[in-house]
Amino acid sequence: MKKITREEIKNILEKWQSGILSNKEIEKFTFSYISSDNIETEDEVVATILGYLDNLDINNITKSDAPFFIGLLNKDIQTAQEVEEKFNQYIK
C-alpha cells in the first residue's frame, strides 16, 4: 500500500504555487488518492488537506492559498480538527 506523506503534498503544493501544475491537475491528483483503496495518508493532517484540495471551487481555494497549506504541513499540527480550526481562522 502506498502512503502519501506531508513532504509529497508540500512538493505538489509548491509545484502548483509556481505554476507547474494547474488547478485541474491538483484536483486530478487529489481525487486519485482519495478514491484509491491502495493508498493511505501519513496522518490526519494530510488526509484533511487532500479533502480541501479535492474540491478547489467548492472550497474557494486557489494557488495563492498554497503557502497556507504548506505552512500547516510544516507545523506540529496532528489532528484534522486543528487543520479545520486553522483553515476557518484563515478564511475569515
PDB file of N, CA and C in Angstrom:
ATOM      1  N   MET A   1       0.842  -1.172   0.000  1.00  0.00           N
ATOM      2  CA  MET A   1       0.000   0.000   0.000  1.00  0.00           C
ATOM      3  C   MET A   1       0.898   1.249   0.000  1.00  0.00           C
ATOM      4  N   LYS A   2       0.596   2.187  -0.874  1.00  0.00           N
ATOM      5  CA  LYS A   2       1.366   3.435  -0.954  1.00  0.00           C
ATOM      6  C   LYS A   2       0.876   4.402   0.118  1.00  0.00           C
ATOM      7  N   LYS A   3       1.829   5.100   0.725  1.00  0.00           N
ATOM      8  CA  LYS A   3       1.496   6.100   1.739  1.00  0.00           C
ATOM      9  C   LYS A   3       1.876   7.474   1.205  1.00  0.00           C
ATOM     10  N   ILE A   4       0.918   8.391   1.224  1.00  0.00           N
ATOM     11  CA  ILE A   4       1.193   9.762   0.815  1.00  0.00           C
ATOM     12  C   ILE A   4       1.622  10.545   2.052  1.00  0.00           C
ATOM     13  N   THR A   5       2.740  11.247   1.919  1.00  0.00           N
ATOM     14  CA  THR A   5       3.347  11.913   3.059  1.00  0.00           C
ATOM     15  C   THR A   5       3.139  13.429   3.018  1.00  0.00           C
ATOM     16  N   ARG A   6       3.444  14.052   4.135  1.00  0.00           N
ATOM     17  CA  ARG A   6       3.410  15.513   4.202  1.00  0.00           C
ATOM     18  C   ARG A   6       4.370  16.102   3.175  1.00  0.00           C
ATOM     19  N   GLU A   7       5.537  15.501   3.047  1.00  0.00           N
ATOM     20  CA  GLU A   7       6.542  16.012   2.120  1.00  0.00           C
ATOM     21  C   GLU A   7       6.038  15.948   0.677  1.00  0.00           C
ATOM     22  N   GLU A   8       5.371  14.874   0.326  1.00  0.00           N
ATOM     23  CA  GLU A   8       4.833  14.744  -1.033  1.00  0.00           C
ATOM     24  C   GLU A   8       3.774  15.817  -1.311  1.00  0.00           C
ATOM     25  N   ILE A   9       2.900  16.058  -0.352  1.00  0.00           N
ATOM     26  CA  ILE A   9       1.872  17.088  -0.520  1.00  0.00           C
ATOM     27  C   ILE A   9       2.526  18.468  -0.616  1.00  0.00           C
ATOM     28  N   LYS A  10       3.546  18.725   0.199  1.00  0.00           N
ATOM     29  CA  LYS A  10       4.250  20.009   0.110  1.00  0.00           C
ATOM     30  C   LYS A  10       4.852  20.200  -1.279  1.00  0.00           C
ATOM     31  N   ASN A  11       5.449  19.153  -1.829  1.00  0.00           N
ATOM     32  CA  ASN A  11       6.034  19.249  -3.175  1.00  0.00           C
ATOM     33  C   ASN A  11       4.973  19.554  -4.223  1.00  0.00           C
ATOM     34  N   ILE A  12       3.832  18.914  -4.122  1.00  0.00           N
ATOM     35  CA  ILE A  12       2.730  19.160  -5.061  1.00  0.00           C
ATOM     36  C   ILE A  12       2.239  20.605  -4.929  1.00  0.00           C
ATOM     37  N   LEU A  13       2.078  21.071  -3.693  1.00  0.00           N
ATOM     38  CA  LEU A  13       1.622  22.445  -3.466  1.00  0.00           C
ATOM     39  C   LEU A  13       2.626  23.463  -4.008  1.00  0.00           C
ATOM     40  N   GLU A  14       3.900  23.189  -3.842  1.00  0.00           N
ATOM     41  CA  GLU A  14       4.928  24.098  -4.361  1.00  0.00           C
ATOM     42  C   GLU A  14       4.897  24.153  -5.887  1.00  0.00           C
ATOM     43  N   LYS A  15       4.671  23.012  -6.523  1.00  0.00           N
ATOM     44  CA  LYS A  15       4.569  22.982  -7.991  1.00  0.00           C
ATOM     45  C   LYS A  15       3.334  23.749  -8.458  1.00  0.00           C
ATOM     46  N   TRP A  16       2.248  23.626  -7.723  1.00  0.00           N
ATOM     47  CA  TRP A  16       1.024  24.353  -8.051  1.00  0.00           C
ATOM     48  C   TRP A  16       1.247  25.854  -7.895  1.00  0.00           C
ATOM     49  N   GLN A  17       1.855  26.232  -6.773  1.00  0.00           N
ATOM     50  CA  GLN A  17       2.115  27.638  -6.498  1.00  0.00           C
ATOM     51  C   GLN A  17       2.997  28.277  -7.576  1.00  0.00           C
ATOM     52  N   SER A  18       3.961  27.515  -8.075  1.00  0.00           N
ATOM     53  CA  SER A  18       4.884  28.063  -9.073  1.00  0.00           C
ATOM     54  C   SER A  18       4.336  27.989 -10.496  1.00  0.00           C
ATOM     55  N   GLY A  19       3.146  27.391 -10.660  1.00  0.00           N
ATOM     56  CA  GLY A  19       2.518  27.331 -11.978  1.00  0.00           C
ATOM     57  C   GLY A  19       2.852  26.094 -12.786  1.00  0.00           C
ATOM     58  N   ILE A  20       3.623  25.186 -12.216  1.00  0.00           N
ATOM     59  CA  ILE A  20       3.958  23.944 -12.915  1.00  0.00           C
ATOM     60  C   ILE A  20       2.722  23.050 -13.041  1.00  0.00           C
ATOM     61  N   LEU A  21       1.883  23.057 -12.013  1.00  0.00           N
ATOM     62  CA  LEU A  21       0.638  22.285 -12.032  1.00  0.00           C
ATOM     63  C   LEU A  21      -0.560  23.227 -12.079  1.00  0.00           C
ATOM     64  N   SER A  22      -1.588  22.828 -12.816  1.00  0.00           N
ATOM     65  CA  SER A  22      -2.827  23.606 -12.915  1.00  0.00           C
ATOM     66  C   SER A  22      -3.818  23.175 -11.840  1.00  0.00           C
ATOM     67  N   ASN A  23      -4.892  23.930 -11.704  1.00  0.00           N
ATOM     68  CA  ASN A  23      -5.968  23.546 -10.773  1.00  0.00           C
ATOM     69  C   ASN A  23      -6.509  22.168 -11.115  1.00  0.00           C
ATOM     70  N   LYS A  24      -6.721  21.914 -12.403  1.00  0.00           N
ATOM     71  CA  LYS A  24      -7.248  20.605 -12.828  1.00  0.00           C
ATOM     72  C   LYS A  24      -6.304  19.480 -12.429  1.00  0.00           C
ATOM     73  N   GLU A  25      -5.007  19.718 -12.576  1.00  0.00           N
ATOM     74  CA  GLU A  25      -4.032  18.684 -12.203  1.00  0.00           C
ATOM     75  C   GLU A  25      -4.028  18.438 -10.698  1.00  0.00           C
ATOM     76  N   ILE A  26      -4.213  19.496  -9.918  1.00  0.00           N
ATOM     77  CA  ILE A  26      -4.299  19.335  -8.462  1.00  0.00           C
ATOM     78  C   ILE A  26      -5.528  18.507  -8.102  1.00  0.00           C
ATOM     79  N   GLU A  27      -6.667  18.836  -8.692  1.00  0.00           N
ATOM     80  CA  GLU A  27      -7.891  18.084  -8.404  1.00  0.00           C
ATOM     81  C   GLU A  27      -7.772  16.635  -8.866  1.00  0.00           C
ATOM     82  N   LYS A  28      -7.167  16.411 -10.013  1.00  0.00           N
ATOM     83  CA  LYS A  28      -6.977  15.043 -10.509  1.00  0.00           C
ATOM     84  C   LYS A  28      -6.065  14.257  -9.567  1.00  0.00           C
ATOM     85  N   PHE A  29      -4.988  14.886  -9.139  1.00  0.00           N
ATOM     86  CA  PHE A  29      -4.051  14.266  -8.207  1.00  0.00           C
ATOM     87  C   PHE A  29      -4.755  13.885  -6.909  1.00  0.00           C
ATOM     88  N   THR A  30      -5.468  14.846  -6.309  1.00  0.00           N
ATOM     89  CA  THR A  30      -6.113  14.567  -5.028  1.00  0.00           C
ATOM     90  C   THR A  30      -7.229  13.540  -5.175  1.00  0.00           C
ATOM     91  N   PHE A  31      -7.987  13.617  -6.257  1.00  0.00           N
ATOM     92  CA  PHE A  31      -9.056  12.644  -6.466  1.00  0.00           C
ATOM     93  C   PHE A  31      -8.490  11.236  -6.585  1.00  0.00           C
ATOM     94  N   SER A  32      -7.366  11.097  -7.277  1.00  0.00           N
ATOM     95  CA  SER A  32      -6.777   9.764  -7.459  1.00  0.00           C
ATOM     96  C   SER A  32      -6.362   9.167  -6.116  1.00  0.00           C
ATOM     97  N   TYR A  33      -5.917  10.001  -5.192  1.00  0.00           N
ATOM     98  CA  TYR A  33      -5.548   9.494  -3.867  1.00  0.00           C
ATOM     99  C   TYR A  33      -6.769   9.215  -3.010  1.00  0.00           C
ATOM    100  N   ILE A  34      -7.712  10.119  -3.023  1.00  0.00           N
ATOM    101  CA  ILE A  34      -8.899   9.954  -2.189  1.00  0.00           C
ATOM    102  C   ILE A  34      -9.728   8.749  -2.617  1.00  0.00           C
ATOM    103  N   SER A  35      -9.793   8.499  -3.917  1.00  0.00           N
ATOM    104  CA  SER A  35     -10.646   7.425  -4.421  1.00  0.00           C
ATOM    105  C   SER A  35      -9.963   6.058  -4.458  1.00  0.00           C
ATOM    106  N   SER A  36      -8.701   5.998  -4.136  1.00  0.00           N
ATOM    107  CA  SER A  36      -7.970   4.735  -4.203  1.00  0.00           C
ATOM    108  C   SER A  36      -8.042   3.969  -2.887  1.00  0.00           C
ATOM    109  N   ASP A  37      -8.222   2.661  -3.007  1.00  0.00           N
ATOM    110  CA  ASP A  37      -8.206   1.794  -1.827  1.00  0.00           C
ATOM    111  C   ASP A  37      -6.786   1.367  -1.464  1.00  0.00           C
ATOM    112  N   ASN A  38      -5.818   1.642  -2.349  1.00  0.00           N
ATOM    113  CA  ASN A  38      -4.451   1.186  -2.145  1.00  0.00           C
ATOM    114  C   ASN A  38      -3.521   2.280  -1.640  1.00  0.00           C
ATOM    115  N   ILE A  39      -4.095   3.370  -1.171  1.00  0.00           N
ATOM    116  CA  ILE A  39      -3.288   4.487  -0.702  1.00  0.00           C
ATOM    117  C   ILE A  39      -3.779   4.904   0.674  1.00  0.00           C
ATOM    118  N   GLU A  40      -2.820   5.163   1.545  1.00  0.00           N
ATOM    119  CA  GLU A  40      -3.162   5.709   2.856  1.00  0.00           C
ATOM    120  C   GLU A  40      -2.363   6.989   3.062  1.00  0.00           C
ATOM    121  N   THR A  41      -2.817   7.802   3.983  1.00  0.00           N
ATOM    122  CA  THR A  41      -2.121   9.061   4.259  1.00  0.00           C
ATOM    123  C   THR A  41      -1.241   8.912   5.488  1.00  0.00           C
ATOM    124  N   GLU A  42      -0.211   9.731   5.527  1.00  0.00           N
ATOM    125  CA  GLU A  42       0.724   9.710   6.657  1.00  0.00           C
ATOM    126  C   GLU A  42       0.009   9.992   7.973  1.00  0.00           C
ATOM    127  N   ASP A  43      -0.943  10.934   7.922  1.00  0.00           N
ATOM    128  CA  ASP A  43      -1.662  11.305   9.142  1.00  0.00           C
ATOM    129  C   ASP A  43      -2.956  12.040   8.786  1.00  0.00           C
ATOM    130  N   GLU A  44      -3.684  12.433   9.815  1.00  0.00           N
ATOM    131  CA  GLU A  44      -4.957  13.137   9.630  1.00  0.00           C
ATOM    132  C   GLU A  44      -4.779  14.470   8.915  1.00  0.00           C
ATOM    133  N   VAL A  45      -3.657  15.107   9.145  1.00  0.00           N
ATOM    134  CA  VAL A  45      -3.393  16.410   8.539  1.00  0.00           C
ATOM    135  C   VAL A  45      -3.352  16.275   7.021  1.00  0.00           C
ATOM    136  N   VAL A  46      -2.627  15.296   6.527  1.00  0.00           N
ATOM    137  CA  VAL A  46      -2.537  15.055   5.079  1.00  0.00           C
ATOM    138  C   VAL A  46      -3.920  14.730   4.522  1.00  0.00           C
ATOM    139  N   ALA A  47      -4.647  13.869   5.192  1.00  0.00           N
ATOM    140  CA  ALA A  47      -5.977  13.482   4.715  1.00  0.00           C
ATOM    141  C   ALA A  47      -6.916  14.690   4.639  1.00  0.00           C
ATOM    142  N   THR A  48      -6.863  15.549   5.635  1.00  0.00           N
ATOM    143  CA  THR A  48      -7.744  16.718   5.668  1.00  0.00           C
ATOM    144  C   THR A  48      -7.383  17.707   4.568  1.00  0.00           C
ATOM    145  N   ILE A  49      -6.094  17.943   4.376  1.00  0.00           N
ATOM    146  CA  ILE A  49      -5.667  18.868   3.329  1.00  0.00           C
ATOM    147  C   ILE A  49      -6.024  18.314   1.951  1.00  0.00           C
ATOM    148  N   LEU A  50      -5.873  17.024   1.749  1.00  0.00           N
ATOM    149  CA  LEU A  50      -6.301  16.424   0.478  1.00  0.00           C
ATOM    150  C   LEU A  50      -7.790  16.666   0.244  1.00  0.00           C
ATOM    151  N   GLY A  51      -8.586  16.579   1.302  1.00  0.00           N
ATOM    152  CA  GLY A  51     -10.015  16.829   1.172  1.00  0.00           C
ATOM    153  C   GLY A  51     -10.314  18.245   0.718  1.00  0.00           C
ATOM    154  N   TYR A  52      -9.579  19.211   1.254  1.00  0.00           N
ATOM    155  CA  TYR A  52      -9.760  20.602   0.811  1.00  0.00           C
ATOM    156  C   TYR A  52      -9.346  20.765  -0.651  1.00  0.00           C
ATOM    157  N   LEU A  53      -8.259  20.146  -1.028  1.00  0.00           N
ATOM    158  CA  LEU A  53      -7.741  20.306  -2.393  1.00  0.00           C
ATOM    159  C   LEU A  53      -8.563  19.555  -3.435  1.00  0.00           C
ATOM    160  N   ASP A  54      -9.333  18.583  -3.008  1.00  0.00           N
ATOM    161  CA  ASP A  54     -10.135  17.790  -3.942  1.00  0.00           C
ATOM    162  C   ASP A  54     -11.259  18.606  -4.568  1.00  0.00           C
ATOM    163  N   ASN A  55     -11.699  19.629  -3.889  1.00  0.00           N
ATOM    164  CA  ASN A  55     -12.808  20.463  -4.377  1.00  0.00           C
ATOM    165  C   ASN A  55     -12.409  21.934  -4.316  1.00  0.00           C
ATOM    166  N   LEU A  56     -11.477  22.330  -5.147  1.00  0.00           N
ATOM    167  CA  LEU A  56     -10.962  23.703  -5.104  1.00  0.00           C
ATOM    168  C   LEU A  56     -12.066  24.734  -5.258  1.00  0.00           C
ATOM    169  N   ASP A  57     -12.941  24.542  -6.244  1.00  0.00           N
ATOM    170  CA  ASP A  57     -14.000  25.520  -6.491  1.00  0.00           C
ATOM    171  C   ASP A  57     -14.974  25.608  -5.329  1.00  0.00           C
ATOM    172  N   ILE A  58     -15.381  24.471  -4.822  1.00  0.00           N
ATOM    173  CA  ILE A  58     -16.344  24.444  -3.720  1.00  0.00           C
ATOM    174  C   ILE A  58     -15.747  25.079  -2.473  1.00  0.00           C
ATOM    175  N   ASN A  59     -14.470  24.823  -2.230  1.00  0.00           N
ATOM    176  CA  ASN A  59     -13.806  25.357  -1.042  1.00  0.00           C
ATOM    177  C   ASN A  59     -13.192  26.736  -1.267  1.00  0.00           C
ATOM    178  N   ASN A  60     -13.378  27.291  -2.481  1.00  0.00           N
ATOM    179  CA  ASN A  60     -12.823  28.609  -2.831  1.00  0.00           C
ATOM    180  C   ASN A  60     -11.321  28.693  -2.573  1.00  0.00           C
ATOM    181  N   ILE A  61     -10.613  27.654  -2.980  1.00  0.00           N
ATOM    182  CA  ILE A  61      -9.170  27.598  -2.791  1.00  0.00           C
ATOM    183  C   ILE A  61      -8.479  27.833  -4.128  1.00  0.00           C
ATOM    184  N   THR A  62      -7.467  28.689  -4.095  1.00  0.00           N
ATOM    185  CA  THR A  62      -6.668  28.982  -5.283  1.00  0.00           C
ATOM    186  C   THR A  62      -5.201  28.721  -4.960  1.00  0.00           C
ATOM    187  N   LYS A  63      -4.364  28.811  -5.993  1.00  0.00           N
ATOM    188  CA  LYS A  63      -2.947  28.550  -5.752  1.00  0.00           C
ATOM    189  C   LYS A  63      -2.325  29.586  -4.821  1.00  0.00           C
ATOM    190  N   SER A  64      -2.968  30.735  -4.654  1.00  0.00           N
ATOM    191  CA  SER A  64      -2.455  31.716  -3.688  1.00  0.00           C
ATOM    192  C   SER A  64      -2.609  31.212  -2.247  1.00  0.00           C
ATOM    193  N   ASP A  65      -3.419  30.168  -2.047  1.00  0.00           N
ATOM    194  CA  ASP A  65      -3.593  29.561  -0.722  1.00  0.00           C
ATOM    195  C   ASP A  65      -2.557  28.472  -0.436  1.00  0.00           C
ATOM    196  N   ALA A  66      -1.780  28.111  -1.435  1.00  0.00           N
ATOM    197  CA  ALA A  66      -0.788  27.039  -1.263  1.00  0.00           C
ATOM    198  C   ALA A  66       0.160  27.297  -0.087  1.00  0.00           C
ATOM    199  N   PRO A  67       0.683  28.527   0.089  1.00  0.00           N
ATOM    200  CA  PRO A  67       1.584  28.751   1.235  1.00  0.00           C
ATOM    201  C   PRO A  67       0.928  28.469   2.593  1.00  0.00           C
ATOM    202  N   PHE A  68      -0.357  28.739   2.700  1.00  0.00           N
ATOM    203  CA  PHE A  68      -1.075  28.441   3.943  1.00  0.00           C
ATOM    204  C   PHE A  68      -1.030  26.943   4.229  1.00  0.00           C
ATOM    205  N   PHE A  69      -1.347  26.136   3.218  1.00  0.00           N
ATOM    206  CA  PHE A  69      -1.358  24.688   3.412  1.00  0.00           C
ATOM    207  C   PHE A  69       0.050  24.137   3.631  1.00  0.00           C
ATOM    208  N   ILE A  70       1.025  24.694   2.937  1.00  0.00           N
ATOM    209  CA  ILE A  70       2.419  24.286   3.162  1.00  0.00           C
ATOM    210  C   ILE A  70       2.805  24.587   4.610  1.00  0.00           C
ATOM    211  N   GLY A  71       2.389  25.745   5.091  1.00  0.00           N
ATOM    212  CA  GLY A  71       2.660  26.108   6.478  1.00  0.00           C
ATOM    213  C   GLY A  71       2.062  25.122   7.467  1.00  0.00           C
ATOM    214  N   LEU A  72       0.847  24.683   7.195  1.00  0.00           N
ATOM    215  CA  LEU A  72       0.216  23.693   8.081  1.00  0.00           C
ATOM    216  C   LEU A  72       1.008  22.393   8.098  1.00  0.00           C
ATOM    217  N   LEU A  73       1.498  21.997   6.937  1.00  0.00           N
ATOM    218  CA  LEU A  73       2.264  20.752   6.847  1.00  0.00           C
ATOM    219  C   LEU A  73       3.605  20.857   7.567  1.00  0.00           C
ATOM    220  N   ASN A  74       4.124  22.060   7.691  1.00  0.00           N
ATOM    221  CA  ASN A  74       5.397  22.287   8.373  1.00  0.00           C
ATOM    222  C   ASN A  74       5.249  22.422   9.879  1.00  0.00           C
ATOM    223  N   LYS A  75       4.036  22.670  10.350  1.00  0.00           N
ATOM    224  CA  LYS A  75       3.816  22.891  11.780  1.00  0.00           C
ATOM    225  C   LYS A  75       3.579  21.567  12.500  1.00  0.00           C
ATOM    226  N   ASP A  76       3.610  21.658  13.802  1.00  0.00           N
ATOM    227  CA  ASP A  76       3.374  20.478  14.635  1.00  0.00           C
ATOM    228  C   ASP A  76       1.880  20.301  14.887  1.00  0.00           C
ATOM    229  N   ILE A  77       1.138  20.230  13.803  1.00  0.00           N
ATOM    230  CA  ILE A  77      -0.305  20.007  13.875  1.00  0.00           C
ATOM    231  C   ILE A  77      -0.538  18.514  13.669  1.00  0.00           C
ATOM    232  N   GLN A  78      -1.374  17.925  14.513  1.00  0.00           N
ATOM    233  CA  GLN A  78      -1.531  16.473  14.481  1.00  0.00           C
ATOM    234  C   GLN A  78      -2.938  15.979  14.143  1.00  0.00           C
ATOM    235  N   THR A  79      -3.949  16.851  14.227  1.00  0.00           N
ATOM    236  CA  THR A  79      -5.317  16.360  14.053  1.00  0.00           C
ATOM    237  C   THR A  79      -6.064  17.116  12.957  1.00  0.00           C
ATOM    238  N   ALA A  80      -7.073  16.464  12.435  1.00  0.00           N
ATOM    239  CA  ALA A  80      -7.946  17.092  11.441  1.00  0.00           C
ATOM    240  C   ALA A  80      -8.634  18.310  12.048  1.00  0.00           C
ATOM    241  N   GLN A  81      -8.998  18.230  13.300  1.00  0.00           N
ATOM    242  CA  GLN A  81      -9.667  19.348  13.975  1.00  0.00           C
ATOM    243  C   GLN A  81      -8.769  20.579  13.998  1.00  0.00           C
ATOM    244  N   GLU A  82      -7.486  20.398  14.249  1.00  0.00           N
ATOM    245  CA  GLU A  82      -6.560  21.533  14.253  1.00  0.00           C
ATOM    246  C   GLU A  82      -6.470  22.168  12.864  1.00  0.00           C
ATOM    247  N   VAL A  83      -6.440  21.337  11.822  1.00  0.00           N
ATOM    248  CA  VAL A  83      -6.398  21.847  10.454  1.00  0.00           C
ATOM    249  C   VAL A  83      -7.657  22.652  10.170  1.00  0.00           C
ATOM    250  N   GLU A  84      -8.804  22.112  10.535  1.00  0.00           N
ATOM    251  CA  GLU A  84     -10.075  22.791  10.284  1.00  0.00           C
ATOM    252  C   GLU A  84     -10.155  24.112  11.042  1.00  0.00           C
ATOM    253  N   GLU A  85      -9.675  24.137  12.274  1.00  0.00           N
ATOM    254  CA  GLU A  85      -9.687  25.379  13.053  1.00  0.00           C
ATOM    255  C   GLU A  85      -8.790  26.428  12.394  1.00  0.00           C
ATOM    256  N   LYS A  86      -7.593  26.026  11.984  1.00  0.00           N
ATOM    257  CA  LYS A  86      -6.668  26.955  11.323  1.00  0.00           C
ATOM    258  C   LYS A  86      -7.259  27.447   9.999  1.00  0.00           C
ATOM    259  N   PHE A  87      -7.890  26.551   9.253  1.00  0.00           N
ATOM    260  CA  PHE A  87      -8.493  26.935   7.978  1.00  0.00           C
ATOM    261  C   PHE A  87      -9.620  27.935   8.200  1.00  0.00           C
ATOM    262  N   ASN A  88     -10.461  27.679   9.189  1.00  0.00           N
ATOM    263  CA  ASN A  88     -11.563  28.601   9.481  1.00  0.00           C
ATOM    264  C   ASN A  88     -11.059  29.975   9.907  1.00  0.00           C
ATOM    265  N   GLN A  89      -9.975  30.020  10.658  1.00  0.00           N
ATOM    266  CA  GLN A  89      -9.361  31.303  11.021  1.00  0.00           C
ATOM    267  C   GLN A  89      -8.795  31.983   9.790  1.00  0.00           C
ATOM    268  N   TYR A  90      -8.186  31.216   8.938  1.00  0.00           N
ATOM    269  CA  TYR A  90      -7.539  31.729   7.720  1.00  0.00           C
ATOM    270  C   TYR A  90      -8.542  32.375   6.770  1.00  0.00           C
ATOM    271  N   ILE A  91      -9.708  31.764   6.613  1.00  0.00           N
ATOM    272  CA  ILE A  91     -10.670  32.276   5.639  1.00  0.00           C
ATOM    273  C   ILE A  91     -11.498  33.449   6.161  1.00  0.00           C
ATOM    274  N   LYS A  92     -11.405  33.741   7.431  1.00  0.00           N
ATOM    275  CA  LYS A  92     -12.179  34.872   7.997  1.00  0.00           C
ATOM    276  C   LYS A  92     -11.615  36.199   7.590  1.00  0.00           C
TER     277      LYS A  92
END
